[in-house]
Amino acid sequence: AESLGVSGEHWREAVGCKACEMTGYRGRILAQELIDVNGALEDAIARGEEDATLRAIARKEGAPTLESEAIRWAAAGETTMQEALQTTTAPSPARPGS
């Protein structure tokens, strides 16, 4: 989190109550990736570059990741780090034969 420019001084832990039906959460917040498609990214799309290349260019241009936005919400005390990571980390693909 500190590498994203957020300190851990506001980390929270979910604690249940009647209002949240003992989940520790109430309501929803939005963590999103918003990418401005122009310049190098626009050119790469026009060339039909692979997804990994497009993501790398977007990050180089300063586009946030879904994970970094969720961590910022956790740092602001709006959610827990556990929830931020749980909702933004893709499950590992199943291995053949497992």
PDB file of N, CA and C in Angstrom:
ATOM      1  N   ALA A   1       0.820  -1.200   0.000  1.00  0.00           N
ATOM      2  CA  ALA A   1       0.000   0.000   0.000  1.00  0.00           C
ATOM      3  C   ALA A   1       0.859   1.256   0.000  1.00  0.00           C
ATOM      4  N   GLU A   2       1.956   1.217   0.751  1.00  0.00           N
ATOM      5  CA  GLU A   2       2.809   2.399   0.792  1.00  0.00           C
ATOM      6  C   GLU A   2       3.422   2.686  -0.568  1.00  0.00           C
ATOM      7  N   SER A   3       3.654   1.651  -1.372  1.00  0.00           N
ATOM      8  CA  SER A   3       4.191   1.869  -2.712  1.00  0.00           C
ATOM      9  C   SER A   3       3.185   2.586  -3.606  1.00  0.00           C
ATOM     10  N   LEU A   4       1.915   2.580  -3.201  1.00  0.00           N
ATOM     11  CA  LEU A   4       0.870   3.283  -3.947  1.00  0.00           C
ATOM     12  C   LEU A   4       0.640   4.684  -3.405  1.00  0.00           C
ATOM     13  N   GLY A   5       1.450   5.071  -2.422  1.00  0.00           N
ATOM     14  CA  GLY A   5       1.316   6.407  -1.865  1.00  0.00           C
ATOM     15  C   GLY A   5       0.278   6.519  -0.777  1.00  0.00           C
ATOM     16  N   VAL A   6      -0.103   5.411  -0.154  1.00  0.00           N
ATOM     17  CA  VAL A   6      -1.066   5.443   0.941  1.00  0.00           C
ATOM     18  C   VAL A   6      -0.427   4.825   2.172  1.00  0.00           C
ATOM     19  N   SER A   7      -0.663   5.439   3.302  1.00  0.00           N
ATOM     20  CA  SER A   7      -0.113   4.893   4.538  1.00  0.00           C
ATOM     21  C   SER A   7      -1.139   3.965   5.170  1.00  0.00           C
ATOM     22  N   GLY A   8      -0.684   3.129   6.068  1.00  0.00           N
ATOM     23  CA  GLY A   8      -1.577   2.166   6.691  1.00  0.00           C
ATOM     24  C   GLY A   8      -2.176   2.639   7.997  1.00  0.00           C
ATOM     25  N   GLU A   9      -2.156   3.925   8.260  1.00  0.00           N
ATOM     26  CA  GLU A   9      -2.630   4.408   9.557  1.00  0.00           C
ATOM     27  C   GLU A   9      -4.137   4.308   9.734  1.00  0.00           C
ATOM     28  N   HIS A  10      -4.885   4.136   8.650  1.00  0.00           N
ATOM     29  CA  HIS A  10      -6.348   4.102   8.747  1.00  0.00           C
ATOM     30  C   HIS A  10      -6.924   2.716   8.482  1.00  0.00           C
ATOM     31  N   TRP A  11      -6.090   1.668   8.470  1.00  0.00           N
ATOM     32  CA  TRP A  11      -6.605   0.335   8.176  1.00  0.00           C
ATOM     33  C   TRP A  11      -7.671  -0.034   9.192  1.00  0.00           C
ATOM     34  N   ARG A  12      -8.723  -0.618   8.706  1.00  0.00           N
ATOM     35  CA  ARG A  12      -9.848  -0.993   9.564  1.00  0.00           C
ATOM     36  C   ARG A  12     -10.105  -2.482   9.473  1.00  0.00           C
ATOM     37  N   GLU A  13     -10.821  -2.968  10.446  1.00  0.00           N
ATOM     38  CA  GLU A  13     -11.241  -4.359  10.463  1.00  0.00           C
ATOM     39  C   GLU A  13     -12.763  -4.369  10.549  1.00  0.00           C
ATOM     40  N   ALA A  14     -13.404  -5.256   9.784  1.00  0.00           N
ATOM     41  CA  ALA A  14     -14.863  -5.321   9.791  1.00  0.00           C
ATOM     42  C   ALA A  14     -15.355  -5.835  11.139  1.00  0.00           C
ATOM     43  N   VAL A  15     -16.303  -5.117  11.722  1.00  0.00           N
ATOM     44  CA  VAL A  15     -16.920  -5.503  12.990  1.00  0.00           C
ATOM     45  C   VAL A  15     -18.424  -5.446  12.771  1.00  0.00           C
ATOM     46  N   GLY A  16     -19.120  -6.498  13.109  1.00  0.00           N
ATOM     47  CA  GLY A  16     -20.551  -6.573  12.846  1.00  0.00           C
ATOM     48  C   GLY A  16     -21.413  -5.839  13.856  1.00  0.00           C
ATOM     49  N   CYS A  17     -22.620  -5.480  13.405  1.00  0.00           N
ATOM     50  CA  CYS A  17     -23.630  -4.855  14.257  1.00  0.00           C
ATOM     51  C   CYS A  17     -25.002  -5.145  13.637  1.00  0.00           C
ATOM     52  N   LYS A  18     -26.075  -4.715  14.292  1.00  0.00           N
ATOM     53  CA  LYS A  18     -27.419  -4.942  13.752  1.00  0.00           C
ATOM     54  C   LYS A  18     -27.614  -4.239  12.411  1.00  0.00           C
ATOM     55  N   ALA A  19     -27.079  -3.023  12.276  1.00  0.00           N
ATOM     56  CA  ALA A  19     -27.281  -2.246  11.053  1.00  0.00           C
ATOM     57  C   ALA A  19     -26.712  -2.946   9.815  1.00  0.00           C
ATOM     58  N   CYS A  20     -25.635  -3.715  10.002  1.00  0.00           N
ATOM     59  CA  CYS A  20     -25.012  -4.386   8.857  1.00  0.00           C
ATOM     60  C   CYS A  20     -25.285  -5.883   8.849  1.00  0.00           C
ATOM     61  N   GLU A  21     -26.200  -6.318   9.706  1.00  0.00           N
ATOM     62  CA  GLU A  21     -26.545  -7.735   9.826  1.00  0.00           C
ATOM     63  C   GLU A  21     -25.319  -8.584  10.140  1.00  0.00           C
ATOM     64  N   MET A  22     -24.462  -8.048  10.992  1.00  0.00           N
ATOM     65  CA  MET A  22     -23.265  -8.714  11.506  1.00  0.00           C
ATOM     66  C   MET A  22     -22.213  -9.029  10.438  1.00  0.00           C
ATOM     67  N   THR A  23     -22.236  -8.315   9.324  1.00  0.00           N
ATOM     68  CA  THR A  23     -21.235  -8.542   8.276  1.00  0.00           C
ATOM     69  C   THR A  23     -20.037  -7.614   8.426  1.00  0.00           C
ATOM     70  N   GLY A  24     -20.246  -6.470   9.045  1.00  0.00           N
ATOM     71  CA  GLY A  24     -19.184  -5.478   9.132  1.00  0.00           C
ATOM     72  C   GLY A  24     -19.197  -4.506   7.966  1.00  0.00           C
ATOM     73  N   TYR A  25     -20.157  -4.678   7.050  1.00  0.00           N
ATOM     74  CA  TYR A  25     -20.235  -3.820   5.866  1.00  0.00           C
ATOM     75  C   TYR A  25     -21.658  -3.325   5.681  1.00  0.00           C
ATOM     76  N   ARG A  26     -21.790  -2.097   5.193  1.00  0.00           N
ATOM     77  CA  ARG A  26     -23.102  -1.543   4.867  1.00  0.00           C
ATOM     78  C   ARG A  26     -22.924  -0.658   3.648  1.00  0.00           C
ATOM     79  N   GLY A  27     -23.766  -0.835   2.670  1.00  0.00           N
ATOM     80  CA  GLY A  27     -23.670  -0.044   1.454  1.00  0.00           C
ATOM     81  C   GLY A  27     -22.583  -0.566   0.530  1.00  0.00           C
ATOM     82  N   ARG A  28     -22.305   0.208  -0.493  1.00  0.00           N
ATOM     83  CA  ARG A  28     -21.303  -0.182  -1.479  1.00  0.00           C
ATOM     84  C   ARG A  28     -20.472   1.025  -1.866  1.00  0.00           C
ATOM     85  N   ILE A  29     -19.249   0.742  -2.263  1.00  0.00           N
ATOM     86  CA  ILE A  29     -18.389   1.770  -2.831  1.00  0.00           C
ATOM     87  C   ILE A  29     -17.882   1.242  -4.164  1.00  0.00           C
ATOM     88  N   LEU A  30     -17.394   2.118  -4.990  1.00  0.00           N
ATOM     89  CA  LEU A  30     -16.966   1.733  -6.328  1.00  0.00           C
ATOM     90  C   LEU A  30     -15.467   1.937  -6.484  1.00  0.00           C
ATOM     91  N   ALA A  31     -14.776   0.863  -6.799  1.00  0.00           N
ATOM     92  CA  ALA A  31     -13.374   0.943  -7.207  1.00  0.00           C
ATOM     93  C   ALA A  31     -13.396   0.682  -8.706  1.00  0.00           C
ATOM     94  N   GLN A  32     -12.803   1.574  -9.475  1.00  0.00           N
ATOM     95  CA  GLN A  32     -12.904   1.438 -10.918  1.00  0.00           C
ATOM     96  C   GLN A  32     -11.602   1.787 -11.612  1.00  0.00           C
ATOM     97  N   GLU A  33     -11.443   1.239 -12.803  1.00  0.00           N
ATOM     98  CA  GLU A  33     -10.340   1.605 -13.673  1.00  0.00           C
ATOM     99  C   GLU A  33     -10.925   2.519 -14.738  1.00  0.00           C
ATOM    100  N   LEU A  34     -10.430   3.718 -14.804  1.00  0.00           N
ATOM    101  CA  LEU A  34     -10.873   4.661 -15.824  1.00  0.00           C
ATOM    102  C   LEU A  34      -9.648   5.046 -16.631  1.00  0.00           C
ATOM    103  N   ILE A  35      -9.653   4.698 -17.897  1.00  0.00           N
ATOM    104  CA  ILE A  35      -8.475   4.885 -18.734  1.00  0.00           C
ATOM    105  C   ILE A  35      -8.784   5.889 -19.834  1.00  0.00           C
ATOM    106  N   ASP A  36      -7.948   6.909 -19.933  1.00  0.00           N
ATOM    107  CA  ASP A  36      -8.052   7.912 -20.986  1.00  0.00           C
ATOM    108  C   ASP A  36      -7.337   7.353 -22.217  1.00  0.00           C
ATOM    109  N   VAL A  37      -8.100   7.014 -23.236  1.00  0.00           N
ATOM    110  CA  VAL A  37      -7.521   6.400 -24.434  1.00  0.00           C
ATOM    111  C   VAL A  37      -7.109   7.499 -25.402  1.00  0.00           C
ATOM    112  N   ASN A  38      -5.807   7.761 -25.414  1.00  0.00           N
ATOM    113  CA  ASN A  38      -5.252   8.708 -26.374  1.00  0.00           C
ATOM    114  C   ASN A  38      -3.762   8.437 -26.530  1.00  0.00           C
ATOM    115  N   GLY A  39      -3.121   9.096 -27.442  1.00  0.00           N
ATOM    116  CA  GLY A  39      -1.679   8.970 -27.620  1.00  0.00           C
ATOM    117  C   GLY A  39      -1.217   7.552 -27.869  1.00  0.00           C
ATOM    118  N   ALA A  40      -0.249   7.111 -27.065  1.00  0.00           N
ATOM    119  CA  ALA A  40       0.381   5.803 -27.252  1.00  0.00           C
ATOM    120  C   ALA A  40      -0.625   4.661 -27.135  1.00  0.00           C
ATOM    121  N   LEU A  41      -1.564   4.778 -26.213  1.00  0.00           N
ATOM    122  CA  LEU A  41      -2.554   3.714 -26.032  1.00  0.00           C
ATOM    123  C   LEU A  41      -3.465   3.615 -27.253  1.00  0.00           C
ATOM    124  N   GLU A  42      -3.897   4.735 -27.752  1.00  0.00           N
ATOM    125  CA  GLU A  42      -4.749   4.748 -28.941  1.00  0.00           C
ATOM    126  C   GLU A  42      -4.023   4.121 -30.133  1.00  0.00           C
ATOM    127  N   ASP A  43      -2.751   4.459 -30.299  1.00  0.00           N
ATOM    128  CA  ASP A  43      -1.957   3.891 -31.393  1.00  0.00           C
ATOM    129  C   ASP A  43      -1.807   2.381 -31.241  1.00  0.00           C
ATOM    130  N   ALA A  44      -1.571   1.917 -30.015  1.00  0.00           N
ATOM    131  CA  ALA A  44      -1.400   0.484 -29.761  1.00  0.00           C
ATOM    132  C   ALA A  44      -2.688  -0.281 -30.046  1.00  0.00           C
ATOM    133  N   ILE A  45      -3.822   0.304 -29.692  1.00  0.00           N
ATOM    134  CA  ILE A  45      -5.116  -0.326 -29.985  1.00  0.00           C
ATOM    135  C   ILE A  45      -5.302  -0.439 -31.492  1.00  0.00           C
ATOM    136  N   ALA A  46      -4.975   0.642 -32.209  1.00  0.00           N
ATOM    137  CA  ALA A  46      -5.118   0.650 -33.666  1.00  0.00           C
ATOM    138  C   ALA A  46      -4.226  -0.405 -34.320  1.00  0.00           C
ATOM    139  N   ARG A  47      -3.067  -0.683 -33.710  1.00  0.00           N
ATOM    140  CA  ARG A  47      -2.154  -1.706 -34.240  1.00  0.00           C
ATOM    141  C   ARG A  47      -2.585  -3.118 -33.850  1.00  0.00           C
ATOM    142  N   GLY A  48      -3.582  -3.231 -32.979  1.00  0.00           N
ATOM    143  CA  GLY A  48      -4.052  -4.546 -32.553  1.00  0.00           C
ATOM    144  C   GLY A  48      -3.141  -5.221 -31.544  1.00  0.00           C
ATOM    145  N   GLU A  49      -2.475  -4.430 -30.708  1.00  0.00           N
ATOM    146  CA  GLU A  49      -1.560  -4.979 -29.700  1.00  0.00           C
ATOM    147  C   GLU A  49      -2.300  -5.885 -28.718  1.00  0.00           C
ATOM    148  N   GLU A  50      -1.559  -6.794 -28.108  1.00  0.00           N
ATOM    149  CA  GLU A  50      -2.095  -7.727 -27.113  1.00  0.00           C
ATOM    150  C   GLU A  50      -2.550  -6.985 -25.861  1.00  0.00           C
ATOM    151  N   ASP A  51      -3.443  -7.627 -25.109  1.00  0.00           N
ATOM    152  CA  ASP A  51      -3.987  -7.062 -23.880  1.00  0.00           C
ATOM    153  C   ASP A  51      -2.889  -6.660 -22.893  1.00  0.00           C
ATOM    154  N   ALA A  52      -1.901  -7.516 -22.711  1.00  0.00           N
ATOM    155  CA  ALA A  52      -0.819  -7.227 -21.757  1.00  0.00           C
ATOM    156  C   ALA A  52      -0.058  -5.964 -22.155  1.00  0.00           C
ATOM    157  N   THR A  53       0.140  -5.774 -23.442  1.00  0.00           N
ATOM    158  CA  THR A  53       0.834  -4.580 -23.928  1.00  0.00           C
ATOM    159  C   THR A  53      -0.010  -3.339 -23.678  1.00  0.00           C
ATOM    160  N   LEU A  54      -1.309  -3.443 -23.933  1.00  0.00           N
ATOM    161  CA  LEU A  54      -2.206  -2.307 -23.707  1.00  0.00           C
ATOM    162  C   LEU A  54      -2.230  -1.923 -22.232  1.00  0.00           C
ATOM    163  N   ARG A  55      -2.289  -2.916 -21.355  1.00  0.00           N
ATOM    164  CA  ARG A  55      -2.279  -2.640 -19.911  1.00  0.00           C
ATOM    165  C   ARG A  55      -0.975  -1.966 -19.493  1.00  0.00           C
ATOM    166  N   ALA A  56       0.141  -2.444 -20.028  1.00  0.00           N
ATOM    167  CA  ALA A  56       1.440  -1.860 -19.683  1.00  0.00           C
ATOM    168  C   ALA A  56       1.512  -0.400 -20.122  1.00  0.00           C
ATOM    169  N   ILE A  57       1.021  -0.113 -21.292  1.00  0.00           N
ATOM    170  CA  ILE A  57       1.022   1.269 -21.781  1.00  0.00           C
ATOM    171  C   ILE A  57       0.116   2.134 -20.912  1.00  0.00           C
ATOM    172  N   ALA A  58      -1.069   1.630 -20.584  1.00  0.00           N
ATOM    173  CA  ALA A  58      -2.004   2.391 -19.744  1.00  0.00           C
ATOM    174  C   ALA A  58      -1.377   2.706 -18.393  1.00  0.00           C
ATOM    175  N   ARG A  59      -0.708   1.727 -17.785  1.00  0.00           N
ATOM    176  CA  ARG A  59      -0.062   1.951 -16.478  1.00  0.00           C
ATOM    177  C   ARG A  59       1.055   2.977 -16.601  1.00  0.00           C
ATOM    178  N   LYS A  60       1.826   2.879 -17.694  1.00  0.00           N
ATOM    179  CA  LYS A  60       2.918   3.835 -17.920  1.00  0.00           C
ATOM    180  C   LYS A  60       2.372   5.255 -18.061  1.00  0.00           C
ATOM    181  N   GLU A  61       1.179   5.362 -18.636  1.00  0.00           N
ATOM    182  CA  GLU A  61       0.531   6.662 -18.818  1.00  0.00           C
ATOM    183  C   GLU A  61      -0.152   7.151 -17.544  1.00  0.00           C
ATOM    184  N   GLY A  62      -0.119   6.325 -16.480  1.00  0.00           N
ATOM    185  CA  GLY A  62      -0.664   6.752 -15.194  1.00  0.00           C
ATOM    186  C   GLY A  62      -2.053   6.258 -14.857  1.00  0.00           C
ATOM    187  N   ALA A  63      -2.598   5.343 -15.656  1.00  0.00           N
ATOM    188  CA  ALA A  63      -3.928   4.807 -15.361  1.00  0.00           C
ATOM    189  C   ALA A  63      -3.857   3.944 -14.103  1.00  0.00           C
ATOM    190  N   PRO A  64      -4.796   4.124 -13.175  1.00  0.00           N
ATOM    191  CA  PRO A  64      -4.784   3.315 -11.953  1.00  0.00           C
ATOM    192  C   PRO A  64      -5.263   1.896 -12.231  1.00  0.00           C
ATOM    193  N   THR A  65      -4.857   0.981 -11.373  1.00  0.00           N
ATOM    194  CA  THR A  65      -5.380  -0.382 -11.469  1.00  0.00           C
ATOM    195  C   THR A  65      -6.582  -0.495 -10.546  1.00  0.00           C
ATOM    196  N   LEU A  66      -7.398  -1.488 -10.789  1.00  0.00           N
ATOM    197  CA  LEU A  66      -8.534  -1.750  -9.919  1.00  0.00           C
ATOM    198  C   LEU A  66      -8.042  -2.003  -8.498  1.00  0.00           C
ATOM    199  N   GLU A  67      -6.953  -2.741  -8.386  1.00  0.00           N
ATOM    200  CA  GLU A  67      -6.391  -3.047  -7.075  1.00  0.00           C
ATOM    201  C   GLU A  67      -5.932  -1.785  -6.353  1.00  0.00           C
ATOM    202  N   SER A  68      -5.249  -0.887  -7.067  1.00  0.00           N
ATOM    203  CA  SER A  68      -4.757   0.329  -6.410  1.00  0.00           C
ATOM    204  C   SER A  68      -5.907   1.211  -5.941  1.00  0.00           C
ATOM    205  N   GLU A  69      -6.979   1.246  -6.695  1.00  0.00           N
ATOM    206  CA  GLU A  69      -8.135   2.044  -6.282  1.00  0.00           C
ATOM    207  C   GLU A  69      -8.804   1.440  -5.051  1.00  0.00           C
ATOM    208  N   ALA A  70      -8.926   0.116  -5.010  1.00  0.00           N
ATOM    209  CA  ALA A  70      -9.522  -0.541  -3.844  1.00  0.00           C
ATOM    210  C   ALA A  70      -8.659  -0.327  -2.605  1.00  0.00           C
ATOM    211  N   ILE A  71      -7.343  -0.375  -2.764  1.00  0.00           N
ATOM    212  CA  ILE A  71      -6.442  -0.142  -1.636  1.00  0.00           C
ATOM    213  C   ILE A  71      -6.567   1.297  -1.146  1.00  0.00           C
ATOM    214  N   ARG A  72      -6.757   2.222  -2.052  1.00  0.00           N
ATOM    215  CA  ARG A  72      -6.964   3.627  -1.638  1.00  0.00           C
ATOM    216  C   ARG A  72      -8.240   3.760  -0.793  1.00  0.00           C
ATOM    217  N   TRP A  73      -9.304   3.031  -1.164  1.00  0.00           N
ATOM    218  CA  TRP A  73     -10.536   3.045  -0.361  1.00  0.00           C
ATOM    219  C   TRP A  73     -10.254   2.483   1.026  1.00  0.00           C
ATOM    220  N   ALA A  74      -9.470   1.406   1.089  1.00  0.00           N
ATOM    221  CA  ALA A  74      -9.132   0.812   2.385  1.00  0.00           C
ATOM    222  C   ALA A  74      -8.300   1.784   3.213  1.00  0.00           C
ATOM    223  N   ALA A  75      -7.356   2.455   2.584  1.00  0.00           N
ATOM    224  CA  ALA A  75      -6.511   3.422   3.297  1.00  0.00           C
ATOM    225  C   ALA A  75      -7.329   4.591   3.821  1.00  0.00           C
ATOM    226  N   ALA A  76      -8.404   4.927   3.114  1.00  0.00           N
ATOM    227  CA  ALA A  76      -9.275   6.023   3.545  1.00  0.00           C
ATOM    228  C   ALA A  76     -10.232   5.578   4.648  1.00  0.00           C
ATOM    229  N   GLY A  77     -10.207   4.275   4.981  1.00  0.00           N
ATOM    230  CA  GLY A  77     -11.067   3.772   6.045  1.00  0.00           C
ATOM    231  C   GLY A  77     -12.475   3.454   5.604  1.00  0.00           C
ATOM    232  N   GLU A  78     -12.718   3.408   4.300  1.00  0.00           N
ATOM    233  CA  GLU A  78     -14.058   3.143   3.781  1.00  0.00           C
ATOM    234  C   GLU A  78     -14.358   1.656   3.650  1.00  0.00           C
ATOM    235  N   THR A  79     -13.320   0.827   3.673  1.00  0.00           N
ATOM    236  CA  THR A  79     -13.466  -0.625   3.622  1.00  0.00           C
ATOM    237  C   THR A  79     -12.229  -1.225   4.270  1.00  0.00           C
ATOM    238  N   THR A  80     -12.188  -2.528   4.360  1.00  0.00           N
ATOM    239  CA  THR A  80     -11.020  -3.183   4.940  1.00  0.00           C
ATOM    240  C   THR A  80     -10.062  -3.607   3.831  1.00  0.00           C
ATOM    241  N   MET A  81      -8.799  -3.785   4.189  1.00  0.00           N
ATOM    242  CA  MET A  81      -7.827  -4.266   3.214  1.00  0.00           C
ATOM    243  C   MET A  81      -8.225  -5.659   2.735  1.00  0.00           C
ATOM    244  N   GLN A  82      -8.725  -6.484   3.637  1.00  0.00           N
ATOM    245  CA  GLN A  82      -9.160  -7.833   3.265  1.00  0.00           C
ATOM    246  C   GLN A  82     -10.237  -7.767   2.184  1.00  0.00           C
ATOM    247  N   GLU A  83     -11.221  -6.918   2.365  1.00  0.00           N
ATOM    248  CA  GLU A  83     -12.298  -6.792   1.380  1.00  0.00           C
ATOM    249  C   GLU A  83     -11.765  -6.218   0.074  1.00  0.00           C
ATOM    250  N   ALA A  84     -10.885  -5.235   0.152  1.00  0.00           N
ATOM    251  CA  ALA A  84     -10.311  -4.633  -1.052  1.00  0.00           C
ATOM    252  C   ALA A  84      -9.588  -5.681  -1.887  1.00  0.00           C
ATOM    253  N   LEU A  85      -8.772  -6.485  -1.241  1.00  0.00           N
ATOM    254  CA  LEU A  85      -8.018  -7.502  -1.972  1.00  0.00           C
ATOM    255  C   LEU A  85      -8.906  -8.650  -2.428  1.00  0.00           C
ATOM    256  N   GLN A  86      -9.859  -9.038  -1.607  1.00  0.00           N
ATOM    257  CA  GLN A  86     -10.756 -10.147  -1.945  1.00  0.00           C
ATOM    258  C   GLN A  86     -11.598  -9.823  -3.170  1.00  0.00           C
ATOM    259  N   THR A  87     -12.010  -8.600  -3.312  1.00  0.00           N
ATOM    260  CA  THR A  87     -12.906  -8.248  -4.412  1.00  0.00           C
ATOM    261  C   THR A  87     -12.176  -7.833  -5.680  1.00  0.00           C
ATOM    262  N   THR A  88     -10.866  -7.652  -5.609  1.00  0.00           N
ATOM    263  CA  THR A  88     -10.140  -7.221  -6.805  1.00  0.00           C
ATOM    264  C   THR A  88      -9.114  -8.222  -7.289  1.00  0.00           C
ATOM    265  N   THR A  89      -8.923  -9.307  -6.569  1.00  0.00           N
ATOM    266  CA  THR A  89      -7.943 -10.309  -6.971  1.00  0.00           C
ATOM    267  C   THR A  89      -8.658 -11.435  -7.691  1.00  0.00           C
ATOM    268  N   ALA A  90      -8.255 -11.651  -8.931  1.00  0.00           N
ATOM    269  CA  ALA A  90      -8.883 -12.707  -9.729  1.00  0.00           C
ATOM    270  C   ALA A  90      -8.466 -14.070  -9.196  1.00  0.00           C
ATOM    271  N   PRO A  91      -9.397 -15.014  -9.158  1.00  0.00           N
ATOM    272  CA  PRO A  91      -9.033 -16.365  -8.720  1.00  0.00           C
ATOM    273  C   PRO A  91      -8.061 -16.997  -9.710  1.00  0.00           C
ATOM    274  N   SER A  92      -7.203 -17.858  -9.215  1.00  0.00           N
ATOM    275  CA  SER A  92      -6.259 -18.563 -10.086  1.00  0.00           C
ATOM    276  C   SER A  92      -7.030 -19.514 -10.985  1.00  0.00           C
ATOM    277  N   PRO A  93      -6.649 -19.575 -12.267  1.00  0.00           N
ATOM    278  CA  PRO A  93      -7.343 -20.517 -13.147  1.00  0.00           C
ATOM    279  C   PRO A  93      -7.077 -21.946 -12.693  1.00  0.00           C
ATOM    280  N   ALA A  94      -8.083 -22.784 -12.857  1.00  0.00           N
ATOM    281  CA  ALA A  94      -7.943 -24.190 -12.463  1.00  0.00           C
ATOM    282  C   ALA A  94      -6.927 -24.871 -13.369  1.00  0.00           C
ATOM    283  N   ARG A  95      -6.121 -25.701 -12.766  1.00  0.00           N
ATOM    284  CA  ARG A  95      -5.145 -26.459 -13.543  1.00  0.00           C
ATOM    285  C   ARG A  95      -5.841 -27.652 -14.183  1.00  0.00           C
ATOM    286  N   PRO A  96      -5.451 -27.991 -15.401  1.00  0.00           N
ATOM    287  CA  PRO A  96      -6.042 -29.179 -16.035  1.00  0.00           C
ATOM    288  C   PRO A  96      -5.799 -30.406 -15.163  1.00  0.00           C
ATOM    289  N   GLY A  97      -6.825 -31.196 -14.980  1.00  0.00           N
ATOM    290  CA  GLY A  97      -6.707 -32.421 -14.210  1.00  0.00           C
ATOM    291  C   GLY A  97      -6.832 -32.242 -12.716  1.00  0.00           C
ATOM    292  N   SER A  98      -7.106 -31.007 -12.248  1.00  0.00           N
ATOM    293  CA  SER A  98      -7.224 -30.816 -10.795  1.00  0.00           C
ATOM    294  C   SER A  98      -8.659 -30.703 -10.371  1.00  0.00           C
TER     295      SER A  98
END
